[in-house]
Amino acid sequence: NAGEHGLAVHPNCGTNFVTSGILAGLAAFIALFGAG
C-alpha cells in the first residue's frame, strides 16, 4: 500500500514454471517437426 508493488512478483511462482514448460515444449516440438 506504500508503493512496493514489486513484492507481488516472486521468482518461484508457478507462472514462471508454466511459462518455461510451454516454451521449452514448443521449442522441442518445432525442432522435431517434420522428422517423420
All heavy atoms as atom14 arrays in JSON, in Angstrom:
{
  "sequence": "NAGEHGLAVHPNCGTNFVTSGILAGLAAFIALFGAG",
  "atom14_mask": [
    [1, 1, 1, 1, 1, 1, 1, 1, 0, 0, 0, 0, 0, 0],
    [1, 1, 1, 1, 1, 0, 0, 0, 0, 0, 0, 0, 0, 0],
    [1, 1, 1, 1, 0, 0, 0, 0, 0, 0, 0, 0, 0, 0],
    [1, 1, 1, 1, 1, 1, 1, 1, 1, 0, 0, 0, 0, 0],
    [1, 1, 1, 1, 1, 1, 1, 1, 1, 1, 0, 0, 0, 0],
    [1, 1, 1, 1, 0, 0, 0, 0, 0, 0, 0, 0, 0, 0],
    [1, 1, 1, 1, 1, 1, 1, 1, 0, 0, 0, 0, 0, 0],
    [1, 1, 1, 1, 1, 0, 0, 0, 0, 0, 0, 0, 0, 0],
    [1, 1, 1, 1, 1, 1, 1, 0, 0, 0, 0, 0, 0, 0],
    [1, 1, 1, 1, 1, 1, 1, 1, 1, 1, 0, 0, 0, 0],
    [1, 1, 1, 1, 1, 1, 1, 0, 0, 0, 0, 0, 0, 0],
    [1, 1, 1, 1, 1, 1, 1, 1, 0, 0, 0, 0, 0, 0],
    [1, 1, 1, 1, 1, 1, 0, 0, 0, 0, 0, 0, 0, 0],
    [1, 1, 1, 1, 0, 0, 0, 0, 0, 0, 0, 0, 0, 0],
    [1, 1, 1, 1, 1, 1, 1, 0, 0, 0, 0, 0, 0, 0],
    [1, 1, 1, 1, 1, 1, 1, 1, 0, 0, 0, 0, 0, 0],
    [1, 1, 1, 1, 1, 1, 1, 1, 1, 1, 1, 0, 0, 0],
    [1, 1, 1, 1, 1, 1, 1, 0, 0, 0, 0, 0, 0, 0],
    [1, 1, 1, 1, 1, 1, 1, 0, 0, 0, 0, 0, 0, 0],
    [1, 1, 1, 1, 1, 1, 0, 0, 0, 0, 0, 0, 0, 0],
    [1, 1, 1, 1, 0, 0, 0, 0, 0, 0, 0, 0, 0, 0],
    [1, 1, 1, 1, 1, 1, 1, 1, 0, 0, 0, 0, 0, 0],
    [1, 1, 1, 1, 1, 1, 1, 1, 0, 0, 0, 0, 0, 0],
    [1, 1, 1, 1, 1, 0, 0, 0, 0, 0, 0, 0, 0, 0],
    [1, 1, 1, 1, 0, 0, 0, 0, 0, 0, 0, 0, 0, 0],
    [1, 1, 1, 1, 1, 1, 1, 1, 0, 0, 0, 0, 0, 0],
    [1, 1, 1, 1, 1, 0, 0, 0, 0, 0, 0, 0, 0, 0],
    [1, 1, 1, 1, 1, 0, 0, 0, 0, 0, 0, 0, 0, 0],
    [1, 1, 1, 1, 1, 1, 1, 1, 1, 1, 1, 0, 0, 0],
    [1, 1, 1, 1, 1, 1, 1, 1, 0, 0, 0, 0, 0, 0],
    [1, 1, 1, 1, 1, 0, 0, 0, 0, 0, 0, 0, 0, 0],
    [1, 1, 1, 1, 1, 1, 1, 1, 0, 0, 0, 0, 0, 0],
    [1, 1, 1, 1, 1, 1, 1, 1, 1, 1, 1, 0, 0, 0],
    [1, 1, 1, 1, 0, 0, 0, 0, 0, 0, 0, 0, 0, 0],
    [1, 1, 1, 1, 1, 0, 0, 0, 0, 0, 0, 0, 0, 0],
    [1, 1, 1, 1, 0, 0, 0, 0, 0, 0, 0, 0, 0, 0]
  ],
  "atom14_positions": [
    [[0.82, -1.21, 0.0], [0.0, 0.0, 0.0], [0.85, 1.26, 0.0], [0.38, 2.33, -0.41], [-0.98, 0.0, 1.18], [-2.12, -0.97, 0.96], [-2.56, -1.2, -0.16], [-2.61, -1.56, 2.04], [0.0, 0.0, 0.0], [0.0, 0.0, 0.0], [0.0, 0.0, 0.0], [0.0, 0.0, 0.0], [0.0, 0.0, 0.0], [0.0, 0.0, 0.0]],
    [[2.13, 1.14, 0.44], [3.05, 2.27, 0.41], [3.79, 2.37, -0.93], [4.65, 3.22, -1.1], [4.06, 2.15, 1.56], [0.0, 0.0, 0.0], [0.0, 0.0, 0.0], [0.0, 0.0, 0.0], [0.0, 0.0, 0.0], [0.0, 0.0, 0.0], [0.0, 0.0, 0.0], [0.0, 0.0, 0.0], [0.0, 0.0, 0.0], [0.0, 0.0, 0.0]],
    [[3.46, 1.47, -1.87], [4.03, 1.58, -3.21], [5.01, 0.49, -3.62], [5.51, 0.51, -4.74], [0.0, 0.0, 0.0], [0.0, 0.0, 0.0], [0.0, 0.0, 0.0], [0.0, 0.0, 0.0], [0.0, 0.0, 0.0], [0.0, 0.0, 0.0], [0.0, 0.0, 0.0], [0.0, 0.0, 0.0], [0.0, 0.0, 0.0], [0.0, 0.0, 0.0]],
    [[5.29, -0.47, -2.76], [6.21, -1.56, -3.13], [5.46, -2.65, -3.89], [5.34, -3.79, -3.44], [6.89, -2.14, -1.88], [7.93, -1.24, -1.28], [8.7, -1.93, -0.16], [9.36, -2.96, -0.41], [8.6, -1.42, 0.98], [0.0, 0.0, 0.0], [0.0, 0.0, 0.0], [0.0, 0.0, 0.0], [0.0, 0.0, 0.0], [0.0, 0.0, 0.0]],
    [[4.99, -2.3, -5.07], [4.18, -3.22, -5.88], [4.99, -4.39, -6.41], [4.43, -5.44, -6.75], [3.51, -2.46, -7.02], [2.71, -1.28, -6.56], [1.62, -1.41, -5.73], [2.86, 0.04, -6.79], [1.12, -0.2, -5.47], [1.86, 0.69, -6.1], [0.0, 0.0, 0.0], [0.0, 0.0, 0.0], [0.0, 0.0, 0.0], [0.0, 0.0, 0.0]],
    [[6.31, -4.24, -6.5], [7.16, -5.31, -6.98], [7.18, -6.54, -6.08], [7.57, -7.63, -6.52], [0.0, 0.0, 0.0], [0.0, 0.0, 0.0], [0.0, 0.0, 0.0], [0.0, 0.0, 0.0], [0.0, 0.0, 0.0], [0.0, 0.0, 0.0], [0.0, 0.0, 0.0], [0.0, 0.0, 0.0], [0.0, 0.0, 0.0], [0.0, 0.0, 0.0]],
    [[6.72, -6.4, -4.84], [6.63, -7.55, -3.94], [5.65, -8.6, -4.47], [5.69, -9.75, -4.05], [6.19, -7.11, -2.54], [7.24, -6.38, -1.7], [6.59, -5.82, -0.43], [8.39, -7.29, -1.35], [0.0, 0.0, 0.0], [0.0, 0.0, 0.0], [0.0, 0.0, 0.0], [0.0, 0.0, 0.0], [0.0, 0.0, 0.0], [0.0, 0.0, 0.0]],
    [[4.78, -8.2, -5.4], [3.78, -9.13, -5.95], [4.4, -10.15, -6.89], [3.77, -11.16, -7.22], [2.69, -8.35, -6.68], [0.0, 0.0, 0.0], [0.0, 0.0, 0.0], [0.0, 0.0, 0.0], [0.0, 0.0, 0.0], [0.0, 0.0, 0.0], [0.0, 0.0, 0.0], [0.0, 0.0, 0.0], [0.0, 0.0, 0.0], [0.0, 0.0, 0.0]],
    [[5.62, -9.91, -7.33], [6.29, -10.81, -8.28], [7.3, -11.67, -7.51], [8.1, -11.15, -6.75], [6.99, -10.0, -9.4], [7.75, -10.9, -10.33], [5.96, -9.17, -10.16], [0.0, 0.0, 0.0], [0.0, 0.0, 0.0], [0.0, 0.0, 0.0], [0.0, 0.0, 0.0], [0.0, 0.0, 0.0], [0.0, 0.0, 0.0], [0.0, 0.0, 0.0]],
    [[7.23, -12.99, -7.72], [8.1, -13.92, -7.0], [8.8, -14.86, -7.98], [8.15, -15.39, -8.89], [7.27, -14.73, -5.99], [8.1, -15.38, -4.94], [8.83, -16.53, -5.17], [8.32, -15.05, -3.65], [9.46, -16.87, -4.07], [9.17, -15.98, -3.13], [0.0, 0.0, 0.0], [0.0, 0.0, 0.0], [0.0, 0.0, 0.0], [0.0, 0.0, 0.0]],
    [[10.1, -15.09, -7.81], [10.84, -15.92, -8.76], [10.41, -17.38, -8.79], [10.62, -18.06, -9.79], [12.3, -15.79, -8.31], [12.23, -15.35, -6.88], [10.96, -14.55, -6.76], [0.0, 0.0, 0.0], [0.0, 0.0, 0.0], [0.0, 0.0, 0.0], [0.0, 0.0, 0.0], [0.0, 0.0, 0.0], [0.0, 0.0, 0.0], [0.0, 0.0, 0.0]],
    [[9.8, -17.87, -7.74], [9.39, -19.28, -7.7], [7.9, -19.47, -7.95], [7.33, -20.48, -7.53], [9.79, -19.91, -6.36], [11.28, -20.0, -6.21], [11.99, -20.21, -7.19], [11.78, -19.81, -5.0], [0.0, 0.0, 0.0], [0.0, 0.0, 0.0], [0.0, 0.0, 0.0], [0.0, 0.0, 0.0], [0.0, 0.0, 0.0], [0.0, 0.0, 0.0]],
    [[7.28, -18.55, -8.63], [5.85, -18.63, -8.93], [5.59, -19.69, -10.0], [6.39, -19.87, -10.92], [5.36, -17.28, -9.42], [3.63, -17.25, -9.9], [0.0, 0.0, 0.0], [0.0, 0.0, 0.0], [0.0, 0.0, 0.0], [0.0, 0.0, 0.0], [0.0, 0.0, 0.0], [0.0, 0.0, 0.0], [0.0, 0.0, 0.0], [0.0, 0.0, 0.0]],
    [[4.47, -20.33, -9.89], [4.06, -21.31, -10.89], [3.94, -20.71, -12.28], [4.14, -21.41, -13.29], [0.0, 0.0, 0.0], [0.0, 0.0, 0.0], [0.0, 0.0, 0.0], [0.0, 0.0, 0.0], [0.0, 0.0, 0.0], [0.0, 0.0, 0.0], [0.0, 0.0, 0.0], [0.0, 0.0, 0.0], [0.0, 0.0, 0.0], [0.0, 0.0, 0.0]],
    [[3.65, -19.42, -12.38], [3.6, -18.75, -13.69], [4.93, -18.91, -14.41], [4.96, -19.18, -15.61], [3.27, -17.25, -13.52], [2.0, -17.12, -12.86], [3.23, -16.53, -14.85], [0.0, 0.0, 0.0], [0.0, 0.0, 0.0], [0.0, 0.0, 0.0], [0.0, 0.0, 0.0], [0.0, 0.0, 0.0], [0.0, 0.0, 0.0], [0.0, 0.0, 0.0]],
    [[6.02, -18.77, -13.68], [7.36, -18.93, -14.28], [7.56, -20.36, -14.76], [8.11, -20.58, -15.85], [8.45, -18.59, -13.28], [8.42, -17.14, -12.86], [7.71, -16.33, -13.44], [9.18, -16.8, -11.84], [0.0, 0.0, 0.0], [0.0, 0.0, 0.0], [0.0, 0.0, 0.0], [0.0, 0.0, 0.0], [0.0, 0.0, 0.0], [0.0, 0.0, 0.0]],
    [[7.17, -21.32, -13.95], [7.36, -22.73, -14.31], [6.51, -23.12, -15.52], [6.98, -23.82, -16.42], [7.06, -23.65, -13.12], [7.89, -23.34, -11.9], [7.33, -23.35, -10.64], [9.24, -23.03, -12.01], [8.09, -23.07, -9.51], [10.01, -22.75, -10.89], [9.44, -22.76, -9.63], [0.0, 0.0, 0.0], [0.0, 0.0, 0.0], [0.0, 0.0, 0.0]],
    [[5.27, -22.66, -15.55], [4.39, -22.96, -16.68], [4.93, -22.3, -17.95], [4.96, -22.93, -19.02], [2.94, -22.51, -16.39], [2.08, -22.56, -17.64], [2.34, -23.37, -15.29], [0.0, 0.0, 0.0], [0.0, 0.0, 0.0], [0.0, 0.0, 0.0], [0.0, 0.0, 0.0], [0.0, 0.0, 0.0], [0.0, 0.0, 0.0], [0.0, 0.0, 0.0]],
    [[5.37, -21.06, -17.84], [5.94, -20.36, -19.0], [7.15, -21.13, -19.53], [7.28, -21.35, -20.74], [6.34, -18.92, -18.62], [5.19, -18.24, -18.13], [6.92, -18.17, -19.8], [0.0, 0.0, 0.0], [0.0, 0.0, 0.0], [0.0, 0.0, 0.0], [0.0, 0.0, 0.0], [0.0, 0.0, 0.0], [0.0, 0.0, 0.0], [0.0, 0.0, 0.0]],
    [[8.03, -21.55, -18.63], [9.22, -22.31, -19.04], [8.83, -23.62, -19.71], [9.38, -23.98, -20.75], [10.1, -22.6, -17.82], [10.6, -21.41, -17.27], [0.0, 0.0, 0.0], [0.0, 0.0, 0.0], [0.0, 0.0, 0.0], [0.0, 0.0, 0.0], [0.0, 0.0, 0.0], [0.0, 0.0, 0.0], [0.0, 0.0, 0.0], [0.0, 0.0, 0.0]],
    [[7.9, -24.34, -19.12], [7.47, -25.62, -19.67], [6.85, -25.49, -21.05], [7.16, -26.27, -21.96], [0.0, 0.0, 0.0], [0.0, 0.0, 0.0], [0.0, 0.0, 0.0], [0.0, 0.0, 0.0], [0.0, 0.0, 0.0], [0.0, 0.0, 0.0], [0.0, 0.0, 0.0], [0.0, 0.0, 0.0], [0.0, 0.0, 0.0], [0.0, 0.0, 0.0]],
    [[5.98, -24.49, -21.21], [5.33, -24.3, -22.51], [6.35, -23.93, -23.58], [6.35, -24.5, -24.67], [4.2, -23.24, -22.41], [3.02, -23.81, -21.62], [3.77, -22.77, -23.79], [1.95, -22.8, -21.3], [0.0, 0.0, 0.0], [0.0, 0.0, 0.0], [0.0, 0.0, 0.0], [0.0, 0.0, 0.0], [0.0, 0.0, 0.0], [0.0, 0.0, 0.0]],
    [[7.22, -22.98, -23.27], [8.2, -22.55, -24.27], [9.2, -23.65, -24.61], [9.53, -23.85, -25.79], [8.93, -21.29, -23.82], [8.09, -20.0, -23.79], [8.94, -18.81, -23.36], [7.43, -19.73, -25.13], [0.0, 0.0, 0.0], [0.0, 0.0, 0.0], [0.0, 0.0, 0.0], [0.0, 0.0, 0.0], [0.0, 0.0, 0.0], [0.0, 0.0, 0.0]],
    [[9.67, -24.38, -23.61], [10.63, -25.48, -23.88], [9.95, -26.59, -24.67], [10.54, -27.15, -25.61], [11.2, -26.01, -22.57], [0.0, 0.0, 0.0], [0.0, 0.0, 0.0], [0.0, 0.0, 0.0], [0.0, 0.0, 0.0], [0.0, 0.0, 0.0], [0.0, 0.0, 0.0], [0.0, 0.0, 0.0], [0.0, 0.0, 0.0], [0.0, 0.0, 0.0]],
    [[8.72, -26.93, -24.31], [7.98, -27.95, -25.04], [7.73, -27.54, -26.49], [7.89, -28.35, -27.41], [0.0, 0.0, 0.0], [0.0, 0.0, 0.0], [0.0, 0.0, 0.0], [0.0, 0.0, 0.0], [0.0, 0.0, 0.0], [0.0, 0.0, 0.0], [0.0, 0.0, 0.0], [0.0, 0.0, 0.0], [0.0, 0.0, 0.0], [0.0, 0.0, 0.0]],
    [[7.35, -26.29, -26.68], [7.11, -25.78, -28.03], [8.4, -25.79, -28.85], [8.4, -26.16, -30.03], [6.53, -24.37, -27.95], [6.06, -23.73, -29.25], [4.98, -24.59, -29.91], [5.52, -22.34, -28.97], [0.0, 0.0, 0.0], [0.0, 0.0, 0.0], [0.0, 0.0, 0.0], [0.0, 0.0, 0.0], [0.0, 0.0, 0.0], [0.0, 0.0, 0.0]],
    [[9.52, -25.41, -28.23], [10.81, -25.42, -28.93], [11.19, -26.83, -29.35], [11.65, -27.06, -30.48], [11.89, -24.82, -28.03], [0.0, 0.0, 0.0], [0.0, 0.0, 0.0], [0.0, 0.0, 0.0], [0.0, 0.0, 0.0], [0.0, 0.0, 0.0], [0.0, 0.0, 0.0], [0.0, 0.0, 0.0], [0.0, 0.0, 0.0], [0.0, 0.0, 0.0]],
    [[10.99, -27.8, -28.47], [11.3, -29.19, -28.81], [10.38, -29.69, -29.92], [10.83, -30.39, -30.84], [11.18, -30.07, -27.57], [0.0, 0.0, 0.0], [0.0, 0.0, 0.0], [0.0, 0.0, 0.0], [0.0, 0.0, 0.0], [0.0, 0.0, 0.0], [0.0, 0.0, 0.0], [0.0, 0.0, 0.0], [0.0, 0.0, 0.0], [0.0, 0.0, 0.0]],
    [[9.13, -29.32, -29.86], [8.18, -29.7, -30.9], [8.62, -29.15, -32.26], [8.61, -29.85, -33.27], [6.77, -29.19, -30.54], [5.77, -29.4, -31.64], [5.2, -30.65, -31.84], [5.38, -28.35, -32.46], [4.27, -30.86, -32.85], [4.45, -28.54, -33.47], [3.89, -29.81, -33.66], [0.0, 0.0, 0.0], [0.0, 0.0, 0.0], [0.0, 0.0, 0.0]],
    [[9.01, -27.88, -32.27], [9.46, -27.25, -33.52], [10.7, -27.97, -34.05], [10.81, -28.23, -35.26], [9.73, -25.74, -33.3], [8.39, -25.02, -33.1], [10.51, -25.14, -34.47], [8.52, -23.59, -32.6], [0.0, 0.0, 0.0], [0.0, 0.0, 0.0], [0.0, 0.0, 0.0], [0.0, 0.0, 0.0], [0.0, 0.0, 0.0], [0.0, 0.0, 0.0]],
    [[11.63, -28.31, -33.16], [12.86, -28.99, -33.59], [12.55, -30.36, -34.2], [13.24, -30.8, -35.12], [13.81, -29.14, -32.41], [0.0, 0.0, 0.0], [0.0, 0.0, 0.0], [0.0, 0.0, 0.0], [0.0, 0.0, 0.0], [0.0, 0.0, 0.0], [0.0, 0.0, 0.0], [0.0, 0.0, 0.0], [0.0, 0.0, 0.0], [0.0, 0.0, 0.0]],
    [[11.55, -31.02, -33.68], [11.22, -32.37, -34.16], [10.19, -32.38, -35.29], [9.94, -33.43, -35.88], [10.73, -33.23, -33.0], [11.78, -33.51, -31.92], [11.14, -34.22, -30.74], [12.94, -34.29, -32.47], [0.0, 0.0, 0.0], [0.0, 0.0, 0.0], [0.0, 0.0, 0.0], [0.0, 0.0, 0.0], [0.0, 0.0, 0.0], [0.0, 0.0, 0.0]],
    [[9.62, -31.21, -35.58], [8.59, -31.13, -36.62], [9.17, -31.57, -37.96], [10.21, -31.12, -38.4], [8.05, -29.7, -36.72], [6.87, -29.57, -37.61], [5.62, -29.99, -37.2], [7.0, -29.04, -38.89], [4.52, -29.88, -38.01], [5.9, -28.92, -39.72], [4.66, -29.34, -39.28], [0.0, 0.0, 0.0], [0.0, 0.0, 0.0], [0.0, 0.0, 0.0]],
    [[8.49, -32.48, -38.6], [8.92, -32.96, -39.91], [9.97, -34.05, -39.87], [10.48, -34.47, -40.91], [0.0, 0.0, 0.0], [0.0, 0.0, 0.0], [0.0, 0.0, 0.0], [0.0, 0.0, 0.0], [0.0, 0.0, 0.0], [0.0, 0.0, 0.0], [0.0, 0.0, 0.0], [0.0, 0.0, 0.0], [0.0, 0.0, 0.0], [0.0, 0.0, 0.0]],
    [[10.31, -34.53, -38.68], [11.34, -35.57, -38.57], [10.8, -36.94, -38.97], [11.57, -37.88, -39.11], [11.89, -35.63, -37.14], [0.0, 0.0, 0.0], [0.0, 0.0, 0.0], [0.0, 0.0, 0.0], [0.0, 0.0, 0.0], [0.0, 0.0, 0.0], [0.0, 0.0, 0.0], [0.0, 0.0, 0.0], [0.0, 0.0, 0.0], [0.0, 0.0, 0.0]],
    [[9.51, -37.05, -39.14], [8.92, -38.33, -39.51], [8.8, -39.27, -38.32], [8.97, -38.87, -37.18], [0.0, 0.0, 0.0], [0.0, 0.0, 0.0], [0.0, 0.0, 0.0], [0.0, 0.0, 0.0], [0.0, 0.0, 0.0], [0.0, 0.0, 0.0], [0.0, 0.0, 0.0], [0.0, 0.0, 0.0], [0.0, 0.0, 0.0], [0.0, 0.0, 0.0]]
  ]
}
